[in-house]
């Protein structure tokens, strides 16, 4: 799931820090950068969605099938239970991550005003 936010970092870093030397460059300019960012991001996002909602693509493009047949056998016929078993831990993880980010920002802001002692010579 982390790749959903990792792949777009190409565009963010290229925009915010264009002069930083990097060992790997994607040729072709911004158009190519957008393509190589969006394509894997969308594919990974779809994969994550199918992990949360098995059978998401079933029935697309005039194919037969029932999305509920893609549920794990322990959750047969219990779409809501399965979805909650995925979304609740995911939401808790995201909440913990957001709390750590906010805590880190608070620490960073208070650290800016702390005077650092100079080493004694």
PDB file of N, CA and C in Angstrom:
ATOM      1  N   UNK A   1       0.815  -1.201   0.000  1.00  0.00           N
ATOM      2  CA  UNK A   1       0.000   0.000   0.000  1.00  0.00           C
ATOM      3  C   UNK A   1       0.854   1.258   0.000  1.00  0.00           C
ATOM      4  N   UNK A   2       2.049   1.170   0.526  1.00  0.00           N
ATOM      5  CA  UNK A   2       2.880   2.365   0.584  1.00  0.00           C
ATOM      6  C   UNK A   2       3.284   2.851  -0.802  1.00  0.00           C
ATOM      7  N   UNK A   3       3.266   1.970  -1.791  1.00  0.00           N
ATOM      8  CA  UNK A   3       3.628   2.377  -3.137  1.00  0.00           C
ATOM      9  C   UNK A   3       2.632   3.380  -3.728  1.00  0.00           C
ATOM     10  N   UNK A   4       1.411   3.378  -3.239  1.00  0.00           N
ATOM     11  CA  UNK A   4       0.414   4.328  -3.743  1.00  0.00           C
ATOM     12  C   UNK A   4       0.886   5.762  -3.507  1.00  0.00           C
ATOM     13  N   UNK A   5       1.607   5.997  -2.433  1.00  0.00           N
ATOM     14  CA  UNK A   5       2.135   7.339  -2.179  1.00  0.00           C
ATOM     15  C   UNK A   5       3.619   7.458  -2.525  1.00  0.00           C
ATOM     16  N   UNK A   6       4.288   6.324  -2.751  1.00  0.00           N
ATOM     17  CA  UNK A   6       5.709   6.372  -3.105  1.00  0.00           C
ATOM     18  C   UNK A   6       5.910   6.757  -4.564  1.00  0.00           C
ATOM     19  N   UNK A   7       5.149   6.172  -5.460  1.00  0.00           N
ATOM     20  CA  UNK A   7       5.316   6.469  -6.879  1.00  0.00           C
ATOM     21  C   UNK A   7       5.132   7.954  -7.209  1.00  0.00           C
ATOM     22  N   UNK A   8       4.135   8.641  -6.653  1.00  0.00           N
ATOM     23  CA  UNK A   8       3.994  10.073  -6.959  1.00  0.00           C
ATOM     24  C   UNK A   8       5.146  10.938  -6.448  1.00  0.00           C
ATOM     25  N   UNK A   9       6.001  10.391  -5.608  1.00  0.00           N
ATOM     26  CA  UNK A   9       7.126  11.187  -5.115  1.00  0.00           C
ATOM     27  C   UNK A   9       8.057  11.610  -6.250  1.00  0.00           C
ATOM     28  N   UNK A  10       8.062  10.878  -7.348  1.00  0.00           N
ATOM     29  CA  UNK A  10       8.848  11.285  -8.513  1.00  0.00           C
ATOM     30  C   UNK A  10       8.454  12.688  -8.955  1.00  0.00           C
ATOM     31  N   UNK A  11       7.162  12.918  -9.113  1.00  0.00           N
ATOM     32  CA  UNK A  11       6.697  14.235  -9.559  1.00  0.00           C
ATOM     33  C   UNK A  11       6.951  15.304  -8.500  1.00  0.00           C
ATOM     34  N   UNK A  12       6.717  14.951  -7.251  1.00  0.00           N
ATOM     35  CA  UNK A  12       6.894  15.927  -6.167  1.00  0.00           C
ATOM     36  C   UNK A  12       8.357  16.350  -6.068  1.00  0.00           C
ATOM     37  N   UNK A  13       9.265  15.373  -6.062  1.00  0.00           N
ATOM     38  CA  UNK A  13      10.686  15.713  -5.941  1.00  0.00           C
ATOM     39  C   UNK A  13      11.210  16.433  -7.174  1.00  0.00           C
ATOM     40  N   UNK A  14      10.728  16.053  -8.343  1.00  0.00           N
ATOM     41  CA  UNK A  14      11.175  16.733  -9.559  1.00  0.00           C
ATOM     42  C   UNK A  14      10.705  18.182  -9.569  1.00  0.00           C
ATOM     43  N   UNK A  15       9.547  18.444  -8.973  1.00  0.00           N
ATOM     44  CA  UNK A  15       9.016  19.810  -8.926  1.00  0.00           C
ATOM     45  C   UNK A  15       9.690  20.630  -7.826  1.00  0.00           C
ATOM     46  N   UNK A  16       9.804  20.055  -6.614  1.00  0.00           N
ATOM     47  CA  UNK A  16      10.327  20.810  -5.473  1.00  0.00           C
ATOM     48  C   UNK A  16      11.839  20.941  -5.476  1.00  0.00           C
ATOM     49  N   UNK A  17      12.542  19.923  -5.957  1.00  0.00           N
ATOM     50  CA  UNK A  17      14.012  19.928  -5.928  1.00  0.00           C
ATOM     51  C   UNK A  17      14.571  19.509  -7.287  1.00  0.00           C
ATOM     52  N   UNK A  18      14.389  20.342  -8.304  1.00  0.00           N
ATOM     53  CA  UNK A  18      14.803  19.933  -9.644  1.00  0.00           C
ATOM     54  C   UNK A  18      16.317  19.880  -9.845  1.00  0.00           C
ATOM     55  N   UNK A  19      17.084  20.585  -9.023  1.00  0.00           N
ATOM     56  CA  UNK A  19      18.528  20.660  -9.225  1.00  0.00           C
ATOM     57  C   UNK A  19      19.327  19.599  -8.472  1.00  0.00           C
ATOM     58  N   UNK A  20      18.661  18.783  -7.690  1.00  0.00           N
ATOM     59  CA  UNK A  20      19.364  17.759  -6.926  1.00  0.00           C
ATOM     60  C   UNK A  20      19.816  16.648  -7.876  1.00  0.00           C
ATOM     61  N   UNK A  21      21.103  16.322  -7.869  1.00  0.00           N
ATOM     62  CA  UNK A  21      21.562  15.233  -8.747  1.00  0.00           C
ATOM     63  C   UNK A  21      21.005  13.895  -8.255  1.00  0.00           C
ATOM     64  N   UNK A  22      20.539  13.104  -9.207  1.00  0.00           N
ATOM     65  CA  UNK A  22      19.968  11.806  -8.871  1.00  0.00           C
ATOM     66  C   UNK A  22      20.652  10.734  -9.711  1.00  0.00           C
ATOM     67  N   UNK A  23      20.839   9.545  -9.144  1.00  0.00           N
ATOM     68  CA  UNK A  23      21.541   8.501  -9.902  1.00  0.00           C
ATOM     69  C   UNK A  23      20.725   7.989 -11.089  1.00  0.00           C
ATOM     70  N   UNK A  24      19.398   8.103 -11.030  1.00  0.00           N
ATOM     71  CA  UNK A  24      18.546   7.622 -12.115  1.00  0.00           C
ATOM     72  C   UNK A  24      17.656   8.757 -12.584  1.00  0.00           C
ATOM     73  N   UNK A  25      17.588   8.972 -13.862  1.00  0.00           N
ATOM     74  CA  UNK A  25      16.730  10.002 -14.449  1.00  0.00           C
ATOM     75  C   UNK A  25      15.795   9.340 -15.452  1.00  0.00           C
ATOM     76  N   UNK A  26      14.581   9.824 -15.526  1.00  0.00           N
ATOM     77  CA  UNK A  26      13.634   9.344 -16.516  1.00  0.00           C
ATOM     78  C   UNK A  26      13.686  10.317 -17.688  1.00  0.00           C
ATOM     79  N   UNK A  27      14.091   9.841 -18.860  1.00  0.00           N
ATOM     80  CA  UNK A  27      14.175  10.737 -20.003  1.00  0.00           C
ATOM     81  C   UNK A  27      12.783  11.102 -20.519  1.00  0.00           C
ATOM     82  N   UNK A  28      12.694  12.186 -21.234  1.00  0.00           N
ATOM     83  CA  UNK A  28      11.429  12.521 -21.879  1.00  0.00           C
ATOM     84  C   UNK A  28      10.675  13.674 -21.265  1.00  0.00           C
ATOM     85  N   UNK A  29      11.164  14.243 -20.207  1.00  0.00           N
ATOM     86  CA  UNK A  29      10.499  15.418 -19.634  1.00  0.00           C
ATOM     87  C   UNK A  29       9.300  15.079 -18.771  1.00  0.00           C
ATOM     88  N   UNK A  30       8.462  16.107 -18.583  1.00  0.00           N
ATOM     89  CA  UNK A  30       7.315  15.987 -17.682  1.00  0.00           C
ATOM     90  C   UNK A  30       6.262  15.001 -18.179  1.00  0.00           C
ATOM     91  N   UNK A  31       6.070  14.926 -19.482  1.00  0.00           N
ATOM     92  CA  UNK A  31       5.059  13.996 -20.006  1.00  0.00           C
ATOM     93  C   UNK A  31       5.370  12.560 -19.644  1.00  0.00           C
ATOM     94  N   UNK A  32       6.608  12.174 -19.857  1.00  0.00           N
ATOM     95  CA  UNK A  32       7.025  10.815 -19.508  1.00  0.00           C
ATOM     96  C   UNK A  32       6.968  10.601 -17.999  1.00  0.00           C
ATOM     97  N   UNK A  33       7.355  11.623 -17.232  1.00  0.00           N
ATOM     98  CA  UNK A  33       7.308  11.503 -15.771  1.00  0.00           C
ATOM     99  C   UNK A  33       5.880  11.263 -15.296  1.00  0.00           C
ATOM    100  N   UNK A  34       4.927  11.956 -15.902  1.00  0.00           N
ATOM    101  CA  UNK A  34       3.526  11.751 -15.524  1.00  0.00           C
ATOM    102  C   UNK A  34       3.065  10.334 -15.872  1.00  0.00           C
ATOM    103  N   UNK A  35       3.439   9.844 -17.036  1.00  0.00           N
ATOM    104  CA  UNK A  35       3.020   8.498 -17.448  1.00  0.00           C
ATOM    105  C   UNK A  35       3.601   7.444 -16.516  1.00  0.00           C
ATOM    106  N   UNK A  36       4.925   7.528 -16.237  1.00  0.00           N
ATOM    107  CA  UNK A  36       5.544   6.510 -15.393  1.00  0.00           C
ATOM    108  C   UNK A  36       5.171   6.677 -13.930  1.00  0.00           C
ATOM    109  N   UNK A  37       4.504   7.752 -13.596  1.00  0.00           N
ATOM    110  CA  UNK A  37       3.978   7.911 -12.239  1.00  0.00           C
ATOM    111  C   UNK A  37       2.536   7.415 -12.165  1.00  0.00           C
ATOM    112  N   UNK A  38       1.704   7.864 -13.095  1.00  0.00           N
ATOM    113  CA  UNK A  38       0.284   7.517 -13.034  1.00  0.00           C
ATOM    114  C   UNK A  38       0.004   6.046 -13.291  1.00  0.00           C
ATOM    115  N   UNK A  39       0.676   5.462 -14.258  1.00  0.00           N
ATOM    116  CA  UNK A  39       0.386   4.069 -14.591  1.00  0.00           C
ATOM    117  C   UNK A  39       0.624   3.122 -13.414  1.00  0.00           C
ATOM    118  N   UNK A  40       1.818   3.106 -12.811  1.00  0.00           N
ATOM    119  CA  UNK A  40       1.984   2.198 -11.667  1.00  0.00           C
ATOM    120  C   UNK A  40       1.148   2.592 -10.457  1.00  0.00           C
ATOM    121  N   UNK A  41       0.928   3.889 -10.259  1.00  0.00           N
ATOM    122  CA  UNK A  41       0.114   4.320  -9.114  1.00  0.00           C
ATOM    123  C   UNK A  41      -1.308   3.798  -9.255  1.00  0.00           C
ATOM    124  N   UNK A  42      -1.882   3.921 -10.443  1.00  0.00           N
ATOM    125  CA  UNK A  42      -3.246   3.427 -10.661  1.00  0.00           C
ATOM    126  C   UNK A  42      -3.316   1.904 -10.543  1.00  0.00           C
ATOM    127  N   UNK A  43      -2.312   1.210 -11.059  1.00  0.00           N
ATOM    128  CA  UNK A  43      -2.310  -0.250 -10.950  1.00  0.00           C
ATOM    129  C   UNK A  43      -2.200  -0.708  -9.495  1.00  0.00           C
ATOM    130  N   UNK A  44      -1.341  -0.067  -8.739  1.00  0.00           N
ATOM    131  CA  UNK A  44      -1.203  -0.430  -7.327  1.00  0.00           C
ATOM    132  C   UNK A  44      -2.462  -0.046  -6.544  1.00  0.00           C
ATOM    133  N   UNK A  45      -3.046   1.108  -6.864  1.00  0.00           N
ATOM    134  CA  UNK A  45      -4.282   1.520  -6.186  1.00  0.00           C
ATOM    135  C   UNK A  45      -5.399   0.509  -6.468  1.00  0.00           C
ATOM    136  N   UNK A  46      -5.479   0.025  -7.705  1.00  0.00           N
ATOM    137  CA  UNK A  46      -6.479  -0.989  -8.034  1.00  0.00           C
ATOM    138  C   UNK A  46      -6.208  -2.284  -7.272  1.00  0.00           C
ATOM    139  N   UNK A  47      -4.943  -2.660  -7.160  1.00  0.00           N
ATOM    140  CA  UNK A  47      -4.583  -3.866  -6.413  1.00  0.00           C
ATOM    141  C   UNK A  47      -4.975  -3.739  -4.948  1.00  0.00           C
ATOM    142  N   UNK A  48      -4.707  -2.586  -4.366  1.00  0.00           N
ATOM    143  CA  UNK A  48      -5.086  -2.349  -2.970  1.00  0.00           C
ATOM    144  C   UNK A  48      -6.608  -2.421  -2.826  1.00  0.00           C
ATOM    145  N   UNK A  49      -7.325  -1.832  -3.783  1.00  0.00           N
ATOM    146  CA  UNK A  49      -8.789  -1.868  -3.733  1.00  0.00           C
ATOM    147  C   UNK A  49      -9.307  -3.298  -3.813  1.00  0.00           C
ATOM    148  N   UNK A  50      -8.662  -4.147  -4.618  1.00  0.00           N
ATOM    149  CA  UNK A  50      -9.126  -5.535  -4.705  1.00  0.00           C
ATOM    150  C   UNK A  50      -8.768  -6.344  -3.462  1.00  0.00           C
ATOM    151  N   UNK A  51      -7.739  -5.920  -2.740  1.00  0.00           N
ATOM    152  CA  UNK A  51      -7.447  -6.580  -1.462  1.00  0.00           C
ATOM    153  C   UNK A  51      -8.517  -6.246  -0.432  1.00  0.00           C
ATOM    154  N   UNK A  52      -8.989  -5.012  -0.469  1.00  0.00           N
ATOM    155  CA  UNK A  52     -10.034  -4.590   0.472  1.00  0.00           C
ATOM    156  C   UNK A  52     -11.394  -5.104   0.017  1.00  0.00           C
ATOM    157  N   UNK A  53     -11.630  -5.094  -1.280  1.00  0.00           N
ATOM    158  CA  UNK A  53     -12.910  -5.516  -1.845  1.00  0.00           C
ATOM    159  C   UNK A  53     -12.662  -6.598  -2.893  1.00  0.00           C
ATOM    160  N   UNK A  54     -12.467  -7.863  -2.486  1.00  0.00           N
ATOM    161  CA  UNK A  54     -12.191  -8.924  -3.463  1.00  0.00           C
ATOM    162  C   UNK A  54     -13.320  -9.046  -4.488  1.00  0.00           C
ATOM    163  N   UNK A  55     -12.923  -9.292  -5.720  1.00  0.00           N
ATOM    164  CA  UNK A  55     -13.903  -9.426  -6.790  1.00  0.00           C
ATOM    165  C   UNK A  55     -14.270  -8.107  -7.422  1.00  0.00           C
ATOM    166  N   UNK A  56     -13.495  -7.070  -7.162  1.00  0.00           N
ATOM    167  CA  UNK A  56     -13.820  -5.736  -7.677  1.00  0.00           C
ATOM    168  C   UNK A  56     -13.919  -5.712  -9.190  1.00  0.00           C
ATOM    169  N   UNK A  57     -13.049  -6.403  -9.904  1.00  0.00           N
ATOM    170  CA  UNK A  57     -13.078  -6.375 -11.365  1.00  0.00           C
ATOM    171  C   UNK A  57     -13.950  -7.431 -12.000  1.00  0.00           C
ATOM    172  N   UNK A  58     -14.561  -8.292 -11.192  1.00  0.00           N
ATOM    173  CA  UNK A  58     -15.383  -9.373 -11.732  1.00  0.00           C
ATOM    174  C   UNK A  58     -16.640  -8.779 -12.362  1.00  0.00           C
ATOM    175  N   UNK A  59     -16.907  -9.186 -13.583  1.00  0.00           N
ATOM    176  CA  UNK A  59     -18.085  -8.705 -14.284  1.00  0.00           C
ATOM    177  C   UNK A  59     -17.810  -7.509 -15.180  1.00  0.00           C
ATOM    178  N   UNK A  60     -16.602  -7.003 -15.149  1.00  0.00           N
ATOM    179  CA  UNK A  60     -16.253  -5.898 -16.047  1.00  0.00           C
ATOM    180  C   UNK A  60     -16.029  -6.441 -17.445  1.00  0.00           C
ATOM    181  N   UNK A  61     -16.194  -5.636 -18.413  1.00  0.00           N
ATOM    182  CA  UNK A  61     -15.926  -5.984 -19.816  1.00  0.00           C
ATOM    183  C   UNK A  61     -16.753  -7.191 -20.254  1.00  0.00           C
ATOM    184  N   UNK A  62     -18.006  -7.236 -19.840  1.00  0.00           N
ATOM    185  CA  UNK A  62     -18.958  -8.285 -20.247  1.00  0.00           C
ATOM    186  C   UNK A  62     -18.506  -9.689 -19.869  1.00  0.00           C
ATOM    187  N   UNK A  63     -17.849  -9.831 -18.720  1.00  0.00           N
ATOM    188  CA  UNK A  63     -17.473 -11.163 -18.253  1.00  0.00           C
ATOM    189  C   UNK A  63     -18.491 -11.630 -17.228  1.00  0.00           C
ATOM    190  N   UNK A  64     -18.563 -12.932 -17.059  1.00  0.00           N
ATOM    191  CA  UNK A  64     -19.497 -13.503 -16.086  1.00  0.00           C
ATOM    192  C   UNK A  64     -18.798 -13.692 -14.754  1.00  0.00           C
ATOM    193  N   UNK A  65     -19.576 -13.778 -13.710  1.00  0.00           N
ATOM    194  CA  UNK A  65     -19.027 -14.065 -12.392  1.00  0.00           C
ATOM    195  C   UNK A  65     -19.716 -13.245 -11.326  1.00  0.00           C
ATOM    196  N   UNK A  66     -19.525 -13.684 -10.113  1.00  0.00           N
ATOM    197  CA  UNK A  66     -20.106 -13.019  -8.960  1.00  0.00           C
ATOM    198  C   UNK A  66     -18.960 -12.522  -8.080  1.00  0.00           C
ATOM    199  N   UNK A  67     -18.897 -11.237  -7.786  1.00  0.00           N
ATOM    200  CA  UNK A  67     -17.815 -10.724  -6.951  1.00  0.00           C
ATOM    201  C   UNK A  67     -17.727 -11.398  -5.579  1.00  0.00           C
ATOM    202  N   UNK A  68     -18.857 -11.828  -5.042  1.00  0.00           N
ATOM    203  CA  UNK A  68     -18.842 -12.471  -3.725  1.00  0.00           C
ATOM    204  C   UNK A  68     -18.141 -13.831  -3.738  1.00  0.00           C
ATOM    205  N   UNK A  69     -17.995 -14.436  -4.913  1.00  0.00           N
ATOM    206  CA  UNK A  69     -17.265 -15.703  -5.004  1.00  0.00           C
ATOM    207  C   UNK A  69     -15.774 -15.507  -4.759  1.00  0.00           C
ATOM    208  N   UNK A  70     -15.293 -14.266  -4.814  1.00  0.00           N
ATOM    209  CA  UNK A  70     -13.875 -13.977  -4.602  1.00  0.00           C
ATOM    210  C   UNK A  70     -13.532 -13.789  -3.126  1.00  0.00           C
ATOM    211  N   UNK A  71     -14.524 -13.774  -2.260  1.00  0.00           N
ATOM    212  CA  UNK A  71     -14.263 -13.641  -0.823  1.00  0.00           C
ATOM    213  C   UNK A  71     -13.544 -14.873  -0.305  1.00  0.00           C
ATOM    214  N   UNK A  72     -12.685 -14.725   0.711  1.00  0.00           N
ATOM    215  CA  UNK A  72     -12.082 -15.911   1.337  1.00  0.00           C
ATOM    216  C   UNK A  72     -13.170 -16.840   1.872  1.00  0.00           C
ATOM    217  N   UNK A  73     -12.883 -18.117   1.905  1.00  0.00           N
ATOM    218  CA  UNK A  73     -13.914 -19.093   2.288  1.00  0.00           C
ATOM    219  C   UNK A  73     -14.450 -18.860   3.698  1.00  0.00           C
ATOM    220  N   UNK A  74     -13.643 -18.343   4.598  1.00  0.00           N
ATOM    221  CA  UNK A  74     -14.106 -18.080   5.965  1.00  0.00           C
ATOM    222  C   UNK A  74     -15.148 -16.958   6.004  1.00  0.00           C
ATOM    223  N   UNK A  75     -15.198 -16.126   4.966  1.00  0.00           N
ATOM    224  CA  UNK A  75     -16.140 -15.012   4.915  1.00  0.00           C
ATOM    225  C   UNK A  75     -17.191 -15.210   3.830  1.00  0.00           C
ATOM    226  N   UNK A  76     -17.445 -16.433   3.419  1.00  0.00           N
ATOM    227  CA  UNK A  76     -18.400 -16.697   2.341  1.00  0.00           C
ATOM    228  C   UNK A  76     -19.756 -16.075   2.666  1.00  0.00           C
ATOM    229  N   UNK A  77     -20.204 -15.216   1.773  1.00  0.00           N
ATOM    230  CA  UNK A  77     -21.497 -14.561   1.953  1.00  0.00           C
ATOM    231  C   UNK A  77     -21.501 -13.453   2.991  1.00  0.00           C
ATOM    232  N   UNK A  78     -20.360 -13.068   3.493  1.00  0.00           N
ATOM    233  CA  UNK A  78     -20.290 -12.037   4.535  1.00  0.00           C
ATOM    234  C   UNK A  78     -19.415 -10.874   4.072  1.00  0.00           C
ATOM    235  N   UNK A  79     -19.866 -10.185   3.040  1.00  0.00           N
ATOM    236  CA  UNK A  79     -19.092  -9.088   2.449  1.00  0.00           C
ATOM    237  C   UNK A  79     -18.809  -7.988   3.474  1.00  0.00           C
ATOM    238  N   UNK A  80     -19.796  -7.596   4.250  1.00  0.00           N
ATOM    239  CA  UNK A  80     -19.609  -6.516   5.227  1.00  0.00           C
ATOM    240  C   UNK A  80     -18.580  -6.893   6.287  1.00  0.00           C
ATOM    241  N   UNK A  81     -18.664  -8.097   6.804  1.00  0.00           N
ATOM    242  CA  UNK A  81     -17.706  -8.540   7.824  1.00  0.00           C
ATOM    243  C   UNK A  81     -16.286  -8.525   7.280  1.00  0.00           C
ATOM    244  N   UNK A  82     -16.120  -9.027   6.049  1.00  0.00           N
ATOM    245  CA  UNK A  82     -14.782  -9.040   5.463  1.00  0.00           C
ATOM    246  C   UNK A  82     -14.271  -7.617   5.250  1.00  0.00           C
ATOM    247  N   UNK A  83     -15.101  -6.767   4.694  1.00  0.00           N
ATOM    248  CA  UNK A  83     -14.682  -5.394   4.402  1.00  0.00           C
ATOM    249  C   UNK A  83     -14.308  -4.664   5.688  1.00  0.00           C
ATOM    250  N   UNK A  84     -15.088  -4.850   6.736  1.00  0.00           N
ATOM    251  CA  UNK A  84     -14.750  -4.220   8.020  1.00  0.00           C
ATOM    252  C   UNK A  84     -13.463  -4.790   8.595  1.00  0.00           C
ATOM    253  N   UNK A  85     -13.226  -6.094   8.373  1.00  0.00           N
ATOM    254  CA  UNK A  85     -11.986  -6.694   8.883  1.00  0.00           C
ATOM    255  C   UNK A  85     -10.755  -6.130   8.160  1.00  0.00           C
ATOM    256  N   UNK A  86     -10.954  -5.518   7.014  1.00  0.00           N
ATOM    257  CA  UNK A  86      -9.860  -4.887   6.291  1.00  0.00           C
ATOM    258  C   UNK A  86      -9.770  -3.394   6.587  1.00  0.00           C
ATOM    259  N   UNK A  87     -10.910  -2.724   6.621  1.00  0.00           N
ATOM    260  CA  UNK A  87     -10.926  -1.263   6.769  1.00  0.00           C
ATOM    261  C   UNK A  87     -10.595  -0.792   8.180  1.00  0.00           C
ATOM    262  N   UNK A  88     -11.004  -1.538   9.198  1.00  0.00           N
ATOM    263  CA  UNK A  88     -10.746  -1.098  10.578  1.00  0.00           C
ATOM    264  C   UNK A  88      -9.243  -1.100  10.888  1.00  0.00           C
ATOM    265  N   UNK A  89      -8.503  -2.188  10.614  1.00  0.00           N
ATOM    266  CA  UNK A  89      -7.051  -2.119  10.852  1.00  0.00           C
ATOM    267  C   UNK A  89      -6.361  -1.097   9.953  1.00  0.00           C
ATOM    268  N   UNK A  90      -6.818  -0.972   8.710  1.00  0.00           N
ATOM    269  CA  UNK A  90      -6.239   0.011   7.805  1.00  0.00           C
ATOM    270  C   UNK A  90      -6.455   1.423   8.337  1.00  0.00           C
ATOM    271  N   UNK A  91      -7.669   1.717   8.775  1.00  0.00           N
ATOM    272  CA  UNK A  91      -7.961   3.029   9.347  1.00  0.00           C
ATOM    273  C   UNK A  91      -7.155   3.299  10.605  1.00  0.00           C
ATOM    274  N   UNK A  92      -7.000   2.278  11.444  1.00  0.00           N
ATOM    275  CA  UNK A  92      -6.199   2.447  12.661  1.00  0.00           C
ATOM    276  C   UNK A  92      -4.742   2.734  12.306  1.00  0.00           C
ATOM    277  N   UNK A  93      -4.210   2.033  11.310  1.00  0.00           N
ATOM    278  CA  UNK A  93      -2.821   2.273  10.894  1.00  0.00           C
ATOM    279  C   UNK A  93      -2.646   3.676  10.334  1.00  0.00           C
ATOM    280  N   UNK A  94      -3.583   4.111   9.521  1.00  0.00           N
ATOM    281  CA  UNK A  94      -3.510   5.467   8.965  1.00  0.00           C
ATOM    282  C   UNK A  94      -3.603   6.495  10.079  1.00  0.00           C
ATOM    283  N   UNK A  95      -4.492   6.280  11.038  1.00  0.00           N
ATOM    284  CA  UNK A  95      -4.633   7.204  12.160  1.00  0.00           C
ATOM    285  C   UNK A  95      -3.343   7.295  12.968  1.00  0.00           C
ATOM    286  N   UNK A  96      -2.721   6.163  13.257  1.00  0.00           N
ATOM    287  CA  UNK A  96      -1.451   6.168  13.986  1.00  0.00           C
ATOM    288  C   UNK A  96      -0.390   6.922  13.181  1.00  0.00           C
ATOM    289  N   UNK A  97      -0.340   6.685  11.876  1.00  0.00           N
ATOM    290  CA  UNK A  97       0.611   7.387  11.029  1.00  0.00           C
ATOM    291  C   UNK A  97       0.406   8.887  11.042  1.00  0.00           C
ATOM    292  N   UNK A  98      -0.844   9.323  10.948  1.00  0.00           N
ATOM    293  CA  UNK A  98      -1.158  10.760  10.989  1.00  0.00           C
ATOM    294  C   UNK A  98      -0.766  11.352  12.339  1.00  0.00           C
ATOM    295  N   UNK A  99      -1.038  10.624  13.411  1.00  0.00           N
ATOM    296  CA  UNK A  99      -0.667  11.119  14.735  1.00  0.00           C
ATOM    297  C   UNK A  99       0.845  11.274  14.863  1.00  0.00           C
ATOM    298  N   UNK A 100       1.604  10.319  14.335  1.00  0.00           N
ATOM    299  CA  UNK A 100       3.064  10.434  14.366  1.00  0.00           C
ATOM    300  C   UNK A 100       3.550  11.618  13.539  1.00  0.00           C
ATOM    301  N   UNK A 101       2.945  11.848  12.398  1.00  0.00           N
ATOM    302  CA  UNK A 101       3.330  12.998  11.569  1.00  0.00           C
ATOM    303  C   UNK A 101       3.059  14.293  12.327  1.00  0.00           C
ATOM    304  N   UNK A 102       1.884  14.395  12.921  1.00  0.00           N
ATOM    305  CA  UNK A 102       1.553  15.608  13.682  1.00  0.00           C
ATOM    306  C   UNK A 102       2.483  15.786  14.866  1.00  0.00           C
ATOM    307  N   UNK A 103       2.794  14.709  15.537  1.00  0.00           N
ATOM    308  CA  UNK A 103       3.718  14.762  16.678  1.00  0.00           C
ATOM    309  C   UNK A 103       5.103  15.194  16.209  1.00  0.00           C
ATOM    310  N   UNK A 104       5.541  14.651  15.079  1.00  0.00           N
ATOM    311  CA  UNK A 104       6.841  15.023  14.536  1.00  0.00           C
ATOM    312  C   UNK A 104       6.894  16.480  14.119  1.00  0.00           C
ATOM    313  N   UNK A 105       5.815  16.997  13.557  1.00  0.00           N
ATOM    314  CA  UNK A 105       5.768  18.412  13.181  1.00  0.00           C
ATOM    315  C   UNK A 105       5.836  19.296  14.408  1.00  0.00           C
ATOM    316  N   UNK A 106       5.151  18.885  15.461  1.00  0.00           N
ATOM    317  CA  UNK A 106       5.175  19.665  16.700  1.00  0.00           C
ATOM    318  C   UNK A 106       6.583  19.683  17.275  1.00  0.00           C
ATOM    319  N   UNK A 107       7.241  18.518  17.270  1.00  0.00           N
ATOM    320  CA  UNK A 107       8.611  18.436  17.762  1.00  0.00           C
ATOM    321  C   UNK A 107       9.541  19.307  16.925  1.00  0.00           C
ATOM    322  N   UNK A 108       9.365  19.296  15.605  1.00  0.00           N
ATOM    323  CA  UNK A 108      10.208  20.086  14.712  1.00  0.00           C
ATOM    324  C   UNK A 108      10.040  21.568  14.992  1.00  0.00           C
ATOM    325  N   UNK A 109       8.813  22.010  15.200  1.00  0.00           N
ATOM    326  CA  UNK A 109       8.569  23.426  15.460  1.00  0.00           C
ATOM    327  C   UNK A 109       9.154  23.861  16.798  1.00  0.00           C
ATOM    328  N   UNK A 110       9.090  23.009  17.803  1.00  0.00           N
ATOM    329  CA  UNK A 110       9.656  23.397  19.097  1.00  0.00           C
ATOM    330  C   UNK A 110      11.172  23.312  19.071  1.00  0.00           C
ATOM    331  N   UNK A 111      11.728  22.392  18.279  1.00  0.00           N
ATOM    332  CA  UNK A 111      13.185  22.265  18.187  1.00  0.00           C
ATOM    333  C   UNK A 111      13.828  23.464  17.493  1.00  0.00           C
ATOM    334  N   UNK A 112      13.078  24.186  16.688  1.00  0.00           N
ATOM    335  CA  UNK A 112      13.640  25.335  15.984  1.00  0.00           C
ATOM    336  C   UNK A 112      14.043  26.445  16.942  1.00  0.00           C
ATOM    337  N   UNK A 113      13.442  26.478  18.086  1.00  0.00           N
ATOM    338  CA  UNK A 113      13.685  27.557  19.023  1.00  0.00           C
ATOM    339  C   UNK A 113      14.631  27.152  20.164  1.00  0.00           C
ATOM    340  N   UNK A 114      15.117  25.933  20.109  1.00  0.00           N
ATOM    341  CA  UNK A 114      16.028  25.460  21.139  1.00  0.00           C
ATOM    342  C   UNK A 114      17.427  25.883  20.751  1.00  0.00           C
ATOM    343  N   UNK A 115      18.121  26.500  21.699  1.00  0.00           N
ATOM    344  CA  UNK A 115      19.485  26.933  21.425  1.00  0.00           C
ATOM    345  C   UNK A 115      20.419  25.754  21.615  1.00  0.00           C
ATOM    346  N   UNK A 116      21.234  25.502  20.608  1.00  0.00           N
ATOM    347  CA  UNK A 116      22.171  24.382  20.659  1.00  0.00           C
ATOM    348  C   UNK A 116      23.471  24.872  21.262  1.00  0.00           C
ATOM    349  N   UNK A 117      23.914  24.213  22.337  1.00  0.00           N
ATOM    350  CA  UNK A 117      25.172  24.642  22.970  1.00  0.00           C
ATOM    351  C   UNK A 117      26.364  24.387  22.046  1.00  0.00           C
ATOM    352  N   UNK A 118      27.312  25.286  22.061  1.00  0.00           N
ATOM    353  CA  UNK A 118      28.526  25.151  21.259  1.00  0.00           C
ATOM    354  C   UNK A 118      29.520  24.265  22.015  1.00  0.00           C
ATOM    355  N   UNK A 119      30.278  23.442  21.294  1.00  0.00           N
ATOM    356  CA  UNK A 119      31.251  22.581  21.949  1.00  0.00           C
ATOM    357  C   UNK A 119      32.362  23.437  22.577  1.00  0.00           C
ATOM    358  N   UNK A 120      32.850  22.971  23.685  1.00  0.00           N
ATOM    359  CA  UNK A 120      33.937  23.676  24.400  1.00  0.00           C
ATOM    360  C   UNK A 120      35.252  23.312  23.730  1.00  0.00           C
ATOM    361  N   UNK A 121      36.084  24.333  23.490  1.00  0.00           N
ATOM    362  CA  UNK A 121      37.368  24.070  22.816  1.00  0.00           C
ATOM    363  C   UNK A 121      38.496  24.216  23.783  1.00  0.00           C
TER     364      UNK A 121
END
